[in-house]
Amino acid sequence: MKNFILILSVFMILSCGKNTTDKNDSIIGKKFEKIKDIKKLSNYTKISDTTIYGNNSEPKHGILHLRDDVNNMIVLNRITLDSIDEDRIFEVLDTLIIPNLNKPELITIGYCQVNKDNDENLISIVDKTDSLLVQNIKKVWRANTATEKIERVADLNGINCLNEWFAQ
């Protein structure tokens, strides 16, 4: 009888763990044409949409910047063409959640350089400025198209960002 109760307990624990995993609301691997196609993103507003060309004539990856009342969400996606309609189909590869920022901070995507070479894959939190060159870069991530992950850049040496909102 003890063995039966032990086996039943282990089975219940494993089953509960599996249900928890199944209920995970991850959007990784989800495909969409419009962000509202993914229910979890229905409360988000699109802030920007950046395509990554790399060495290709057609973009193979993209970065979405979305925001809701609490968070910013950065979505790295793969871009393919629907074979019938040739519409763009996006597949979520990775996400980054950034809590809503303080007033002087902004998220910029694709406006940073590494050793004066443009890097369209950089995602940065910067302080707002009235000059062309951003003076204070707080955090940087790279949308790595090889690993298909958003990776933190620890060493900010050689990174500078341009103020995409600068108007002379």
Protein backbone atom coordinates (compact mmCIF):
# COMPACT_ATOMS: atom_id res chain seq x y z
CA MET A 1 0.00 0.00 0.00
CA LYS A 2 2.87 2.40 0.80
CA ASN A 3 4.36 1.77 -2.64
CA PHE A 4 1.01 2.52 -4.30
CA ILE A 5 0.69 5.83 -2.45
CA LEU A 6 4.31 6.70 -3.26
CA ILE A 7 3.83 5.92 -6.96
CA LEU A 8 0.54 7.83 -7.04
CA SER A 9 2.19 10.84 -5.35
CA VAL A 10 5.11 10.84 -7.80
CA PHE A 11 2.68 10.54 -10.75
CA MET A 12 0.61 13.49 -9.47
CA ILE A 13 3.70 15.65 -8.95
CA LEU A 14 4.99 14.88 -12.44
CA SER A 15 1.56 15.48 -13.95
CA CYS A 16 1.21 18.83 -12.21
CA GLY A 17 4.66 19.87 -13.42
CA LYS A 18 3.71 18.94 -16.97
CA ASN A 19 0.47 20.94 -16.78
CA THR A 20 2.36 23.96 -15.53
CA THR A 21 4.75 23.71 -18.44
CA ASP A 22 1.89 23.27 -20.92
CA LYS A 23 0.22 26.41 -19.58
CA ASN A 24 3.40 28.44 -20.09
CA ASP A 25 2.42 31.48 -22.14
CA SER A 26 5.64 31.59 -24.12
CA ILE A 27 5.28 33.06 -27.58
CA ILE A 28 8.59 31.59 -28.80
CA GLY A 29 7.93 29.68 -32.02
CA LYS A 30 4.57 31.36 -32.69
CA LYS A 31 3.98 32.57 -36.25
CA PHE A 32 2.03 35.66 -37.23
CA GLU A 33 1.34 38.17 -39.97
CA LYS A 34 0.10 40.91 -37.59
CA ILE A 35 1.05 41.17 -33.91
CA LYS A 36 -2.62 40.94 -32.91
CA ASP A 37 -2.59 37.34 -34.32
CA ILE A 38 -0.85 36.34 -31.06
CA LYS A 39 -3.31 36.69 -28.21
CA LYS A 40 -0.61 37.44 -25.62
CA LEU A 41 0.41 40.51 -27.67
CA SER A 42 -3.11 41.90 -28.09
CA ASN A 43 -2.62 44.45 -25.26
CA TYR A 44 0.66 45.73 -26.71
CA THR A 45 1.08 48.71 -29.02
CA LYS A 46 3.72 48.64 -31.74
CA ILE A 47 6.36 51.33 -31.18
CA SER A 48 8.76 50.38 -33.97
CA ASP A 49 9.51 47.61 -36.43
CA THR A 50 13.07 47.16 -37.69
CA THR A 51 14.18 44.74 -40.40
CA ILE A 52 17.63 43.19 -40.40
CA TYR A 53 19.13 42.69 -43.84
CA GLY A 54 22.67 41.65 -42.93
CA ASN A 55 24.26 40.56 -46.23
CA ASN A 56 20.92 39.55 -47.79
CA SER A 57 18.90 41.43 -50.40
CA GLU A 58 15.70 40.43 -48.56
CA PRO A 59 15.35 40.75 -44.80
CA LYS A 60 15.58 37.42 -42.95
CA HIS A 61 15.05 38.77 -39.41
CA GLY A 62 13.23 41.62 -37.72
CA ILE A 63 13.01 43.33 -34.36
CA LEU A 64 9.69 44.57 -32.98
CA HIS A 65 9.44 47.06 -30.13
CA LEU A 66 6.08 46.77 -28.37
CA ARG A 67 4.76 48.44 -25.23
CA ASP A 68 1.86 47.96 -22.86
CA ASP A 69 1.01 49.76 -19.59
CA VAL A 70 3.79 48.01 -17.65
CA ASN A 71 6.53 46.76 -20.00
CA ASN A 72 8.38 47.18 -23.24
CA MET A 73 8.77 43.95 -25.17
CA ILE A 74 11.47 43.46 -27.77
CA VAL A 75 10.73 40.58 -30.17
CA LEU A 76 13.34 39.02 -32.44
CA ASN A 77 11.64 37.26 -35.32
CA ARG A 78 12.45 35.32 -38.47
CA ILE A 79 10.85 36.57 -41.69
CA THR A 80 9.66 34.18 -44.39
CA LEU A 81 7.32 34.59 -47.35
CA ASP A 82 4.03 32.75 -47.59
CA SER A 83 4.37 30.59 -50.71
CA ILE A 84 0.81 31.29 -51.87
CA ASP A 85 0.26 35.02 -51.27
CA GLU A 86 3.91 35.99 -50.74
CA ASP A 87 2.85 37.77 -47.54
CA ARG A 88 5.50 38.11 -44.86
CA ILE A 89 5.19 35.52 -42.09
CA PHE A 90 7.00 36.26 -38.82
CA GLU A 91 8.14 33.61 -36.34
CA VAL A 92 9.05 34.65 -32.79
CA LEU A 93 12.60 33.54 -31.98
CA ASP A 94 13.28 35.37 -28.72
CA THR A 95 11.88 38.13 -26.52
CA LEU A 96 13.25 40.66 -24.07
CA ILE A 97 11.08 42.35 -21.45
CA ILE A 98 12.18 45.81 -20.31
CA PRO A 99 10.04 47.46 -17.61
CA ASN A 100 8.70 50.86 -18.68
CA LEU A 101 11.50 53.37 -18.43
CA ASN A 102 12.03 56.58 -16.51
CA LYS A 103 11.07 59.74 -18.44
CA PRO A 104 14.57 60.68 -19.65
CA GLU A 105 15.28 57.13 -20.92
CA LEU A 106 14.49 55.75 -24.37
CA ILE A 107 14.91 52.49 -26.26
CA THR A 108 16.69 52.80 -29.57
CA ILE A 109 17.07 49.99 -32.12
CA GLY A 110 19.48 50.08 -35.03
CA TYR A 111 21.00 53.49 -34.30
CA CYS A 112 24.18 52.36 -32.56
CA GLN A 113 27.66 51.69 -33.82
CA VAL A 114 30.50 49.45 -32.71
CA ASN A 115 33.88 51.08 -33.38
CA LYS A 116 32.14 53.51 -35.78
CA ASP A 117 30.55 50.70 -37.85
CA ASN A 118 26.75 50.70 -37.92
CA ASP A 119 25.20 47.68 -36.21
CA GLU A 120 21.51 47.34 -37.04
CA ASN A 121 21.22 44.50 -34.50
CA LEU A 122 21.86 46.63 -31.38
CA ILE A 123 19.08 47.42 -28.94
CA SER A 124 19.95 50.11 -26.37
CA ILE A 125 18.53 51.97 -23.42
CA VAL A 126 19.84 55.53 -23.60
CA ASP A 127 19.23 58.86 -21.91
CA LYS A 128 17.30 61.38 -23.98
CA THR A 129 19.50 64.16 -25.33
CA ASP A 130 19.27 67.25 -27.52
CA SER A 131 22.48 66.44 -29.41
CA LEU A 132 23.16 64.11 -32.33
CA LEU A 133 25.40 61.82 -30.27
CA VAL A 134 23.87 60.09 -27.24
CA GLN A 135 25.91 60.92 -24.14
CA ASN A 136 24.71 58.16 -21.79
CA ILE A 137 24.18 54.56 -22.92
CA LYS A 138 22.70 52.54 -20.04
CA LYS A 139 22.33 48.98 -21.43
CA VAL A 140 22.86 47.26 -24.76
CA TRP A 141 21.67 43.96 -26.24
CA ARG A 142 22.40 42.39 -29.62
CA ALA A 143 19.82 40.55 -31.70
CA ASN A 144 22.13 37.72 -32.72
CA THR A 145 20.80 36.29 -35.99
CA ALA A 146 23.23 33.34 -35.85
CA THR A 147 22.06 32.09 -32.44
CA GLU A 148 18.58 33.61 -32.93
CA LYS A 149 18.72 35.02 -29.39
CA ILE A 150 18.78 38.49 -27.86
CA GLU A 151 22.06 38.66 -25.95
CA ARG A 152 23.26 41.20 -23.40
CA VAL A 153 26.35 43.17 -24.41
CA ALA A 154 28.45 43.57 -21.29
CA ASP A 155 31.33 45.61 -22.71
CA LEU A 156 30.11 49.01 -23.90
CA ASN A 157 33.60 50.17 -24.98
CA GLY A 158 33.54 51.28 -28.61
CA ILE A 159 29.72 51.54 -28.70
CA ASN A 160 28.14 54.87 -29.50
CA CYS A 161 24.56 55.66 -30.42
CA LEU A 162 23.01 58.33 -32.57
CA ASN A 163 19.94 60.23 -31.43
CA GLU A 164 17.28 59.08 -33.90
CA TRP A 165 15.01 61.93 -32.71
CA PHE A 166 17.61 64.66 -33.28
CA ALA A 167 16.33 67.60 -35.33
CA GLN A 168 18.56 70.51 -36.25
